[in-house]
Amino acid sequence: MTDAIVKDSNGAQLNEGDSVTLIKDLKVKGTSETIKRGTLVKNIRLTGNPGEIECNTKQVKGLVLKAEFLKEA
């Protein structure tokens, strides 16, 4: 979407369609779900914000995650 560079917690650049792994348990606002550390998230989409990505997991669809809680898989 934009020319902003999105980097994960280790400083690696993330691109559209990459797979990432969560490095921390995250509670999802508005639900009772918690996404556990080590969960693999495939086929991410970049947003206009360089610190966020959009993705789908088995539990939650249309999820926006902060890049600081992710590492490239």
N, C-alpha and C. Protein backbone atom coordinates (compact mmCIF):
# COMPACT_ATOMS: atom_id res chain seq x y z
N MET A 1 0.81 -1.20 0.00
CA MET A 1 0.00 0.00 0.00
C MET A 1 0.86 1.26 0.00
N THR A 2 1.79 1.32 0.92
CA THR A 2 2.63 2.51 1.02
C THR A 2 4.09 2.10 0.92
N ASP A 3 4.97 3.08 0.94
CA ASP A 3 6.40 2.81 0.88
C ASP A 3 7.02 2.65 2.27
N ALA A 4 6.19 2.63 3.32
CA ALA A 4 6.70 2.49 4.68
C ALA A 4 7.29 1.10 4.87
N ILE A 5 8.42 1.03 5.56
CA ILE A 5 9.08 -0.24 5.82
C ILE A 5 8.61 -0.75 7.18
N VAL A 6 8.10 -1.98 7.18
CA VAL A 6 7.63 -2.61 8.42
C VAL A 6 8.68 -3.60 8.87
N LYS A 7 9.10 -3.49 10.14
CA LYS A 7 10.12 -4.39 10.68
C LYS A 7 9.56 -5.14 11.87
N ASP A 8 10.00 -6.40 12.02
CA ASP A 8 9.57 -7.22 13.15
C ASP A 8 10.41 -6.90 14.39
N SER A 9 10.22 -7.69 15.44
CA SER A 9 10.93 -7.43 16.71
C SER A 9 12.44 -7.59 16.58
N ASN A 10 12.92 -8.35 15.61
CA ASN A 10 14.35 -8.56 15.41
C ASN A 10 14.95 -7.61 14.38
N GLY A 11 14.12 -6.76 13.78
CA GLY A 11 14.62 -5.81 12.80
C GLY A 11 14.56 -6.29 11.37
N ALA A 12 14.01 -7.48 11.13
CA ALA A 12 13.89 -8.00 9.77
C ALA A 12 12.71 -7.33 9.07
N GLN A 13 12.86 -7.03 7.80
CA GLN A 13 11.80 -6.36 7.04
C GLN A 13 10.69 -7.36 6.70
N LEU A 14 9.43 -6.94 6.90
CA LEU A 14 8.28 -7.77 6.58
C LEU A 14 7.67 -7.30 5.27
N ASN A 15 7.20 -8.24 4.46
CA ASN A 15 6.58 -7.96 3.18
C ASN A 15 5.21 -8.62 3.11
N GLU A 16 4.39 -8.18 2.14
CA GLU A 16 3.08 -8.78 1.92
C GLU A 16 3.24 -10.28 1.71
N GLY A 17 2.38 -11.08 2.35
CA GLY A 17 2.39 -12.52 2.14
C GLY A 17 3.37 -13.29 3.00
N ASP A 18 4.18 -12.63 3.82
CA ASP A 18 5.12 -13.32 4.69
C ASP A 18 4.39 -14.09 5.78
N SER A 19 5.08 -15.01 6.41
CA SER A 19 4.58 -15.72 7.58
C SER A 19 5.35 -15.21 8.79
N VAL A 20 4.65 -15.02 9.90
CA VAL A 20 5.27 -14.53 11.12
C VAL A 20 4.84 -15.38 12.30
N THR A 21 5.61 -15.30 13.39
CA THR A 21 5.33 -16.03 14.61
C THR A 21 5.19 -15.03 15.76
N LEU A 22 4.20 -15.23 16.63
CA LEU A 22 4.03 -14.36 17.79
C LEU A 22 5.09 -14.66 18.83
N ILE A 23 5.61 -13.62 19.49
CA ILE A 23 6.63 -13.80 20.52
C ILE A 23 6.07 -13.56 21.92
N LYS A 24 4.75 -13.30 22.00
CA LYS A 24 4.12 -13.01 23.28
C LYS A 24 2.66 -13.42 23.20
N ASP A 25 2.08 -13.90 24.32
CA ASP A 25 0.64 -14.17 24.36
C ASP A 25 -0.09 -12.85 24.26
N LEU A 26 -1.09 -12.78 23.37
CA LEU A 26 -1.83 -11.54 23.16
C LEU A 26 -3.32 -11.77 23.37
N LYS A 27 -3.94 -10.94 24.23
CA LYS A 27 -5.39 -10.97 24.39
C LYS A 27 -6.00 -10.15 23.27
N VAL A 28 -7.09 -10.64 22.70
CA VAL A 28 -7.76 -9.96 21.60
C VAL A 28 -8.91 -9.14 22.17
N LYS A 29 -8.87 -7.83 21.93
CA LYS A 29 -9.92 -6.95 22.44
C LYS A 29 -11.26 -7.32 21.84
N GLY A 30 -12.31 -7.28 22.66
CA GLY A 30 -13.65 -7.55 22.18
C GLY A 30 -14.03 -9.01 22.17
N THR A 31 -13.09 -9.88 22.50
CA THR A 31 -13.37 -11.32 22.56
C THR A 31 -12.73 -11.90 23.81
N SER A 32 -13.02 -13.16 24.07
CA SER A 32 -12.39 -13.83 25.20
C SER A 32 -11.18 -14.65 24.75
N GLU A 33 -10.77 -14.47 23.49
CA GLU A 33 -9.67 -15.24 22.92
C GLU A 33 -8.30 -14.69 23.35
N THR A 34 -7.35 -15.59 23.50
CA THR A 34 -5.94 -15.25 23.69
C THR A 34 -5.15 -16.00 22.64
N ILE A 35 -4.35 -15.29 21.88
CA ILE A 35 -3.50 -15.94 20.88
C ILE A 35 -2.16 -16.22 21.55
N LYS A 36 -1.78 -17.47 21.56
CA LYS A 36 -0.60 -17.93 22.30
C LYS A 36 0.71 -17.63 21.58
N ARG A 37 1.76 -17.49 22.38
CA ARG A 37 3.10 -17.30 21.85
C ARG A 37 3.47 -18.51 21.01
N GLY A 38 4.13 -18.27 19.89
CA GLY A 38 4.53 -19.34 19.00
C GLY A 38 3.53 -19.63 17.89
N THR A 39 2.38 -18.94 17.92
CA THR A 39 1.38 -19.14 16.87
C THR A 39 1.91 -18.63 15.54
N LEU A 40 1.80 -19.46 14.51
CA LEU A 40 2.24 -19.09 13.17
C LEU A 40 1.09 -18.40 12.45
N VAL A 41 1.36 -17.21 11.93
CA VAL A 41 0.37 -16.46 11.17
C VAL A 41 0.89 -16.34 9.74
N LYS A 42 0.12 -16.86 8.79
CA LYS A 42 0.55 -16.89 7.39
C LYS A 42 -0.13 -15.79 6.60
N ASN A 43 0.51 -15.40 5.51
CA ASN A 43 -0.07 -14.48 4.52
C ASN A 43 -0.50 -13.15 5.13
N ILE A 44 0.45 -12.43 5.73
CA ILE A 44 0.13 -11.13 6.33
C ILE A 44 -0.09 -10.07 5.26
N ARG A 45 -0.79 -9.00 5.64
CA ARG A 45 -1.01 -7.85 4.76
C ARG A 45 -0.51 -6.61 5.49
N LEU A 46 0.19 -5.74 4.78
CA LEU A 46 0.70 -4.51 5.38
C LEU A 46 -0.40 -3.45 5.37
N THR A 47 -0.40 -2.61 6.40
CA THR A 47 -1.34 -1.50 6.48
C THR A 47 -0.59 -0.21 6.17
N GLY A 48 -1.27 0.92 6.23
CA GLY A 48 -0.62 2.20 6.02
C GLY A 48 0.28 2.59 7.18
N ASN A 49 0.10 1.96 8.33
CA ASN A 49 0.88 2.24 9.53
C ASN A 49 2.10 1.31 9.55
N PRO A 50 3.31 1.84 9.64
CA PRO A 50 4.51 1.00 9.60
C PRO A 50 4.67 0.07 10.81
N GLY A 51 3.90 0.26 11.86
CA GLY A 51 4.03 -0.59 13.04
C GLY A 51 2.96 -1.65 13.16
N GLU A 52 2.09 -1.80 12.14
CA GLU A 52 0.99 -2.73 12.22
C GLU A 52 0.87 -3.58 10.96
N ILE A 53 0.32 -4.79 11.14
CA ILE A 53 0.01 -5.67 10.01
C ILE A 53 -1.41 -6.21 10.21
N GLU A 54 -2.04 -6.61 9.11
CA GLU A 54 -3.35 -7.27 9.17
C GLU A 54 -3.14 -8.74 8.88
N CYS A 55 -3.96 -9.59 9.54
CA CYS A 55 -3.83 -11.03 9.31
C CYS A 55 -5.11 -11.74 9.75
N ASN A 56 -5.16 -13.02 9.46
CA ASN A 56 -6.23 -13.90 9.92
C ASN A 56 -5.58 -15.06 10.67
N THR A 57 -6.21 -15.45 11.78
CA THR A 57 -5.78 -16.64 12.51
C THR A 57 -6.96 -17.61 12.53
N LYS A 58 -6.73 -18.80 13.06
CA LYS A 58 -7.82 -19.77 13.15
C LYS A 58 -8.93 -19.26 14.07
N GLN A 59 -8.55 -18.52 15.14
CA GLN A 59 -9.53 -18.06 16.11
C GLN A 59 -10.22 -16.77 15.69
N VAL A 60 -9.46 -15.82 15.10
CA VAL A 60 -9.96 -14.47 14.83
C VAL A 60 -9.64 -14.08 13.39
N LYS A 61 -10.63 -13.56 12.69
CA LYS A 61 -10.43 -13.09 11.32
C LYS A 61 -10.33 -11.57 11.33
N GLY A 62 -9.54 -11.00 10.42
CA GLY A 62 -9.41 -9.55 10.32
C GLY A 62 -8.70 -8.92 11.50
N LEU A 63 -7.66 -9.54 11.96
CA LEU A 63 -6.91 -9.11 13.13
C LEU A 63 -5.80 -8.14 12.74
N VAL A 64 -5.59 -7.10 13.53
CA VAL A 64 -4.48 -6.16 13.33
C VAL A 64 -3.51 -6.35 14.49
N LEU A 65 -2.25 -6.66 14.16
CA LEU A 65 -1.23 -6.90 15.18
C LEU A 65 -0.10 -5.89 15.06
N LYS A 66 0.50 -5.57 16.20
CA LYS A 66 1.67 -4.70 16.20
C LYS A 66 2.90 -5.52 15.84
N ALA A 67 3.73 -4.95 15.00
CA ALA A 67 4.93 -5.65 14.51
C ALA A 67 5.93 -5.93 15.62
N GLU A 68 5.88 -5.21 16.72
CA GLU A 68 6.84 -5.42 17.82
C GLU A 68 6.62 -6.75 18.53
N PHE A 69 5.47 -7.41 18.31
CA PHE A 69 5.19 -8.70 18.93
C PHE A 69 5.34 -9.87 17.96
N LEU A 70 6.00 -9.62 16.83
CA LEU A 70 6.13 -10.63 15.79
C LEU A 70 7.58 -10.85 15.42
N LYS A 71 7.88 -12.05 14.93
CA LYS A 71 9.19 -12.30 14.30
C LYS A 71 8.93 -13.08 13.02
N GLU A 72 9.76 -12.84 12.03
CA GLU A 72 9.59 -13.49 10.74
C GLU A 72 9.83 -14.98 10.87
N ALA A 73 8.97 -15.78 10.25
CA ALA A 73 9.07 -17.24 10.35
C ALA A 73 9.97 -17.80 9.25
